[in-house]
């Protein structure tokens, strides 16, 4: 890559010789706009990926809560804390006769 100022100067001088002094500012402007558009598109893509990850995490948490809630209700019904009307019948007064 171009790391030293000397290398940048050589590239700029070569571009100036190839395209001339009239086209050089236009090329620089076009290059700057292209880089700006690329960065903007890259940021939008990163935002979409981040939003998708957050949405997936939230839906995962919701399903975990739903599973925990159904587990608690299943445990409560299987522990026999309250008998159901079908399994527990009390003698009625009409049976005494």
Protein backbone atom coordinates (compact mmCIF):
# COMPACT_ATOMS: atom_id res chain seq x y z
CA UNK A 1 0.00 0.00 0.00
CA UNK A 2 0.94 3.62 -0.15
CA UNK A 3 2.35 4.32 3.26
CA UNK A 4 4.90 7.08 2.83
CA UNK A 5 4.30 10.65 1.61
CA UNK A 6 6.89 10.09 -1.13
CA UNK A 7 4.83 7.24 -2.61
CA UNK A 8 1.68 9.41 -2.53
CA UNK A 9 3.57 12.20 -4.29
CA UNK A 10 4.77 9.89 -7.02
CA UNK A 11 1.25 8.60 -7.63
CA UNK A 12 -0.17 12.15 -7.67
CA UNK A 13 2.50 13.31 -10.13
CA UNK A 14 1.82 10.33 -12.42
CA UNK A 15 -1.93 11.04 -12.34
CA UNK A 16 -1.30 14.71 -13.09
CA UNK A 17 0.85 13.79 -16.09
CA UNK A 18 -1.66 11.22 -17.37
CA UNK A 19 -4.88 13.21 -17.00
CA UNK A 20 -3.67 16.81 -17.13
CA UNK A 21 -4.31 19.70 -14.75
CA UNK A 22 -7.91 20.24 -15.92
CA UNK A 23 -9.13 16.69 -15.23
CA UNK A 24 -7.16 16.20 -12.03
CA UNK A 25 -9.62 18.05 -9.70
CA UNK A 26 -12.56 16.24 -11.31
CA UNK A 27 -10.92 12.88 -10.73
CA UNK A 28 -10.18 13.76 -7.11
CA UNK A 29 -13.77 14.86 -6.57
CA UNK A 30 -15.15 11.71 -8.20
CA UNK A 31 -12.81 9.54 -6.15
CA UNK A 32 -13.88 11.29 -2.94
CA UNK A 33 -17.58 10.87 -3.78
CA UNK A 34 -17.02 7.20 -4.59
CA UNK A 35 -15.28 6.60 -1.29
CA UNK A 36 -18.06 8.47 0.55
CA UNK A 37 -20.76 6.39 -1.15
CA UNK A 38 -18.89 3.20 -0.35
CA UNK A 39 -18.59 4.11 3.34
CA UNK A 40 -22.29 5.06 3.46
CA UNK A 41 -23.31 1.72 1.92
CA UNK A 42 -20.98 -0.14 4.28
CA UNK A 43 -22.49 1.60 7.33
CA UNK A 44 -26.02 0.82 6.13
CA UNK A 45 -25.12 -2.85 5.68
CA UNK A 46 -23.59 -2.97 9.17
CA UNK A 47 -26.72 -1.35 10.63
CA UNK A 48 -28.93 -3.93 8.92
CA UNK A 49 -26.81 -6.80 10.20
CA UNK A 50 -26.82 -5.36 13.73
CA UNK A 51 -30.60 -4.89 13.62
CA UNK A 52 -31.04 -8.47 12.44
CA UNK A 53 -28.84 -9.80 15.23
CA UNK A 54 -30.72 -7.77 17.85
CA UNK A 55 -34.06 -8.96 16.48
CA UNK A 56 -32.90 -12.58 16.57
CA UNK A 57 -31.68 -12.18 20.15
CA UNK A 58 -34.97 -10.61 21.23
CA UNK A 59 -37.05 -13.32 19.59
CA UNK A 60 -34.80 -15.91 21.23
CA UNK A 61 -35.37 -14.33 24.64
CA UNK A 62 -39.13 -14.25 24.05
CA UNK A 63 -39.19 -17.93 23.15
CA UNK A 64 -37.08 -18.77 26.21
CA UNK A 65 -39.54 -16.88 28.42
CA UNK A 66 -42.46 -18.69 26.80
CA UNK A 67 -40.75 -22.04 27.37
CA UNK A 68 -40.03 -21.18 31.00
CA UNK A 69 -43.63 -20.07 31.49
CA UNK A 70 -44.99 -23.30 30.02
CA UNK A 71 -42.54 -25.31 32.16
CA UNK A 72 -43.76 -23.56 35.30
CA UNK A 73 -47.40 -24.17 34.47
CA UNK A 74 -46.65 -27.82 33.68
CA UNK A 75 -44.84 -28.26 36.99
CA UNK A 76 -47.67 -26.59 38.90
CA UNK A 77 -50.30 -28.84 37.32
CA UNK A 78 -48.24 -31.99 37.88
CA UNK A 79 -47.40 -31.20 41.51
CA UNK A 80 -51.01 -31.67 42.59
CA UNK A 81 -51.32 -28.40 44.44
CA UNK A 82 -55.02 -28.22 43.60
CA UNK A 83 -56.98 -31.32 42.72
CA UNK A 84 -59.01 -31.18 39.58
CA UNK A 85 -62.80 -31.65 39.78
CA UNK A 86 -62.65 -34.91 37.80
CA UNK A 87 -60.29 -36.69 40.19
CA UNK A 88 -61.68 -35.41 43.47
CA UNK A 89 -65.35 -35.94 44.20
CA UNK A 90 -67.02 -35.25 47.53
CA UNK A 91 -70.10 -37.21 48.64
CA UNK A 92 -73.26 -35.24 48.14
CA UNK A 93 -76.13 -35.06 50.62
CA UNK A 94 -78.40 -37.01 48.30
CA UNK A 95 -76.17 -40.12 48.65
CA UNK A 96 -77.08 -40.49 52.39
CA UNK A 97 -80.45 -42.11 51.78
